[in-house]
Amino acid sequence: MGKSLFKTKAFSIFIDKVWENNPIFIMVLGICSSLAVTTNLTNALVMGLSVVVVLGISSFLISLIRNYISDQVRLITFMLIISTFVITVDFILKIYVPDISKALGPYIGLIITNCILMGRAEAFASKNPPFHSLLDAVGSGLGYTLVLLLLALIREFLSWGTLFGSHIIESWVNWNLMSIAPGAFFVLGVIIIFSNMITTAMKRSKQRKKQ
């Protein structure tokens, strides 16, 4: 029963977006926020989970009503649905975690401009059933979140010698470059290079097994 689960279309859709078609690694989407909010792990985690929630709910809802949306107002309808959930998440964060909300600044509100959300709505949710759309959205969101966390882990540790604000090495010499955008861009580039190398190696391994 476990094996059959891993071979289902639903599982393939989910895994494809988490790794093989990761929105940052492969499609190079959501770069601005990934550079801006990854100065520490806490901010990256909150931002990533916010995107997962908004992306999952909005894609599911868009898929549910896809047959009732006219082509002429398709994009603006997607934007209205996404922006509604973005505003809701923003209010929730301001109420329950005001310090983190303040640290993230405008970037929660700017989730609406993240190409990942409109991309999944247009490319997948508007053409597929709700459950598959939900898995596609959550997979894309988690793929995005994993990259944010990896980037934040490297940047926070190198910048201040901390993880989630707790000192790991007390006498750490701060790498100030890692706390600014150019340092983030460099780290992200290295991560993308290594991810592409791993993906290429995995594809070659699969081809060899088929032969």
Protein backbone atom coordinates (compact mmCIF):
# COMPACT_ATOMS: atom_id res chain seq x y z
CA MET A 1 0.00 0.00 0.00
CA GLY A 2 2.91 2.33 0.80
CA LYS A 3 4.48 1.70 -2.60
CA SER A 4 1.28 2.47 -4.49
CA LEU A 5 1.00 5.82 -2.69
CA PHE A 6 4.43 6.89 -3.94
CA LYS A 7 3.44 6.02 -7.51
CA THR A 8 0.20 8.00 -7.59
CA LYS A 9 -0.27 11.06 -9.76
CA ALA A 10 -1.06 13.16 -6.68
CA PHE A 11 2.23 12.26 -5.00
CA SER A 12 4.15 12.93 -8.24
CA ILE A 13 2.58 16.40 -8.51
CA PHE A 14 3.58 17.20 -4.92
CA ILE A 15 7.21 15.97 -5.17
CA ASP A 16 7.68 17.58 -8.58
CA LYS A 17 7.05 21.03 -7.13
CA VAL A 18 9.08 20.49 -3.96
CA TRP A 19 12.26 19.51 -5.82
CA GLU A 20 12.27 18.76 -9.56
CA ASN A 21 10.40 21.95 -10.49
CA ASN A 22 11.20 23.97 -7.38
CA PRO A 23 9.95 27.55 -7.95
CA ILE A 24 13.31 29.09 -7.01
CA PHE A 25 15.78 26.44 -8.23
CA ILE A 26 14.19 25.77 -11.61
CA MET A 27 11.73 28.58 -12.39
CA VAL A 28 13.73 31.30 -10.58
CA LEU A 29 10.57 32.85 -9.07
CA GLY A 30 10.20 34.63 -5.73
CA ILE A 31 13.80 35.84 -5.77
CA CYS A 32 13.17 39.31 -4.27
CA SER A 33 11.53 38.01 -1.10
CA SER A 34 14.07 35.19 -0.79
CA LEU A 35 16.86 37.76 -0.63
CA ALA A 36 15.02 40.17 1.63
CA VAL A 37 13.61 37.99 4.43
CA THR A 38 16.37 35.44 4.91
CA THR A 39 18.57 37.38 7.33
CA ASN A 40 17.39 34.95 10.01
CA LEU A 41 15.57 31.61 10.24
CA THR A 42 12.53 32.92 12.12
CA ASN A 43 11.61 35.45 9.43
CA ALA A 44 12.24 32.90 6.67
CA LEU A 45 10.02 30.30 8.36
CA VAL A 46 7.12 32.71 8.91
CA MET A 47 7.38 34.05 5.36
CA GLY A 48 7.55 30.55 3.87
CA LEU A 49 4.57 29.24 5.85
CA SER A 50 2.57 32.35 4.95
CA VAL A 51 3.16 31.65 1.27
CA VAL A 52 2.21 27.96 1.74
CA VAL A 53 -1.10 28.92 3.41
CA VAL A 54 -2.04 31.62 0.89
CA LEU A 55 -0.96 29.53 -2.09
CA GLY A 56 -2.72 26.38 -0.90
CA ILE A 57 -6.07 27.98 -0.04
CA SER A 58 -6.20 30.29 -3.06
CA SER A 59 -5.28 27.54 -5.54
CA PHE A 60 -7.86 25.20 -4.03
CA LEU A 61 -10.59 27.86 -4.23
CA ILE A 62 -9.63 28.90 -7.78
CA SER A 63 -9.81 25.28 -8.88
CA LEU A 64 -13.24 24.88 -7.28
CA ILE A 65 -14.72 27.82 -9.20
CA ARG A 66 -12.58 27.58 -12.35
CA ASN A 67 -15.53 26.63 -14.58
CA TYR A 68 -17.46 29.74 -13.50
CA ILE A 69 -14.67 32.28 -14.17
CA SER A 70 -14.87 34.10 -17.49
CA ASP A 71 -11.63 34.33 -19.49
CA GLN A 72 -12.04 38.11 -19.71
CA VAL A 73 -11.80 38.55 -15.92
CA ARG A 74 -9.64 35.49 -15.17
CA LEU A 75 -6.49 37.24 -13.98
CA ILE A 76 -8.19 39.94 -11.94
CA THR A 77 -10.32 37.26 -10.23
CA PHE A 78 -7.17 35.32 -9.33
CA MET A 79 -5.61 38.50 -7.92
CA LEU A 80 -8.69 39.30 -5.83
CA ILE A 81 -8.79 35.80 -4.35
CA ILE A 82 -5.05 35.76 -3.59
CA SER A 83 -5.04 39.31 -2.14
CA THR A 84 -7.95 38.43 0.18
CA PHE A 85 -5.96 35.63 1.80
CA VAL A 86 -2.75 37.69 1.84
CA ILE A 87 -4.53 40.44 3.80
CA THR A 88 -6.01 37.84 6.16
CA VAL A 89 -2.60 36.27 6.87
CA ASP A 90 -1.07 39.74 7.33
CA PHE A 91 -3.70 40.64 9.95
CA ILE A 92 -3.21 37.32 11.78
CA LEU A 93 0.56 37.87 11.97
CA LYS A 94 0.10 41.44 13.23
CA ILE A 95 -2.18 40.18 15.99
CA TYR A 96 -0.30 37.07 17.15
CA VAL A 97 3.36 37.75 16.24
CA PRO A 98 3.64 41.56 15.95
CA ASP A 99 7.44 41.62 16.30
CA ILE A 100 7.97 39.20 13.41
CA SER A 101 5.33 41.00 11.36
CA LYS A 102 7.16 44.28 11.90
CA ALA A 103 10.51 42.67 11.03
CA LEU A 104 9.11 41.33 7.76
CA GLY A 105 7.80 44.80 6.94
CA PRO A 106 5.95 45.06 3.63
CA TYR A 107 7.00 41.64 2.34
CA ILE A 108 3.96 39.76 3.70
CA GLY A 109 1.67 42.20 1.92
CA LEU A 110 3.76 41.85 -1.21
CA ILE A 111 3.05 38.11 -1.40
CA ILE A 112 0.38 39.15 -3.91
CA THR A 113 3.17 40.19 -6.31
CA ASN A 114 5.01 36.88 -5.91
CA CYS A 115 5.00 35.25 -9.35
CA ILE A 116 4.71 31.78 -7.79
CA LEU A 117 1.11 32.41 -6.72
CA MET A 118 -0.20 33.80 -10.00
CA GLY A 119 1.88 31.24 -11.88
CA ARG A 120 0.31 28.25 -10.10
CA ALA A 121 -3.17 29.76 -10.35
CA GLU A 122 -2.88 30.32 -14.11
CA ALA A 123 -0.81 27.28 -15.08
CA PHE A 124 -2.36 24.63 -12.84
CA ALA A 125 -5.29 25.52 -10.57
CA SER A 126 -7.39 26.98 -13.41
CA LYS A 127 -7.06 23.73 -15.38
CA ASN A 128 -7.03 20.92 -12.79
CA PRO A 129 -9.27 19.46 -10.04
CA PRO A 130 -9.15 20.92 -6.49
CA PHE A 131 -7.19 18.15 -4.75
CA HIS A 132 -4.42 18.09 -7.36
CA SER A 133 -4.34 21.89 -7.35
CA LEU A 134 -3.94 21.88 -3.57
CA LEU A 135 -1.03 19.42 -3.77
CA ASP A 136 0.61 21.43 -6.55
CA ALA A 137 0.27 24.63 -4.51
CA VAL A 138 1.48 23.14 -1.22
CA GLY A 139 4.40 21.45 -3.00
CA SER A 140 5.40 24.75 -4.61
CA GLY A 141 5.04 26.57 -1.29
CA LEU A 142 7.10 24.02 0.62
CA GLY A 143 9.76 24.03 -2.10
CA TYR A 144 9.95 27.80 -1.74
CA THR A 145 10.03 27.54 2.06
CA LEU A 146 12.85 24.97 2.06
CA VAL A 147 15.01 27.26 -0.06
CA LEU A 148 14.27 30.20 2.25
CA LEU A 149 15.23 28.14 5.30
CA LEU A 150 18.45 26.88 3.74
CA LEU A 151 19.40 30.39 2.66
CA ALA A 152 18.51 31.84 6.07
CA LEU A 153 20.42 29.10 7.92
CA ILE A 154 23.62 29.91 6.02
CA ARG A 155 23.17 33.69 6.20
CA GLU A 156 22.23 33.88 9.88
CA PHE A 157 25.03 31.58 10.96
CA LEU A 158 27.71 33.31 8.91
CA SER A 159 26.44 36.79 9.80
CA TRP A 160 26.18 36.41 13.58
CA GLY A 161 26.99 32.83 14.56
CA THR A 162 23.36 32.24 15.60
CA LEU A 163 20.44 29.99 14.62
CA PHE A 164 16.89 31.18 15.43
CA GLY A 165 18.55 33.98 17.40
CA SER A 166 20.48 31.64 19.73
CA HIS A 167 24.28 31.81 19.73
CA ILE A 168 25.94 28.65 18.44
CA ILE A 169 29.50 29.96 18.56
CA GLU A 170 30.04 32.79 21.05
CA SER A 171 33.37 33.97 19.62
CA TRP A 172 32.17 33.91 16.01
CA VAL A 173 33.63 36.60 13.73
CA ASN A 174 30.69 38.13 11.90
CA TRP A 175 30.59 37.99 8.11
CA ASN A 176 28.84 41.30 7.49
CA LEU A 177 28.54 40.60 3.76
CA MET A 178 26.05 37.81 4.49
CA SER A 179 23.64 40.22 6.20
CA ILE A 180 23.11 42.31 3.05
CA ALA A 181 21.53 41.58 -0.34
CA PRO A 182 24.77 40.96 -2.34
CA GLY A 183 25.79 38.25 0.13
CA ALA A 184 22.33 36.67 -0.10
CA PHE A 185 22.50 36.74 -3.89
CA PHE A 186 25.88 34.99 -3.85
CA VAL A 187 24.69 32.27 -1.44
CA LEU A 188 21.51 31.72 -3.45
CA GLY A 189 23.56 31.36 -6.64
CA VAL A 190 25.76 28.70 -5.01
CA ILE A 191 22.69 26.83 -3.71
CA ILE A 192 21.09 26.84 -7.19
CA ILE A 193 24.31 25.55 -8.76
CA PHE A 194 24.51 22.64 -6.30
CA SER A 195 20.80 21.84 -6.65
CA ASN A 196 21.14 21.70 -10.44
CA MET A 197 24.17 19.43 -10.12
CA ILE A 198 22.22 17.07 -7.85
CA THR A 199 19.19 17.10 -10.19
CA THR A 200 21.38 16.35 -13.22
CA ALA A 201 23.10 13.49 -11.38
CA MET A 202 19.73 12.02 -10.37
CA LYS A 203 18.43 12.18 -13.96
CA ARG A 204 21.57 10.45 -15.28
CA SER A 205 21.21 7.77 -12.63
CA LYS A 206 17.59 7.13 -13.70
CA GLN A 207 18.60 6.91 -17.36
CA ARG A 208 21.32 4.39 -16.56
CA LYS A 209 18.84 2.22 -14.66
CA LYS A 210 16.44 2.25 -17.60
CA GLN A 211 19.22 1.19 -19.96
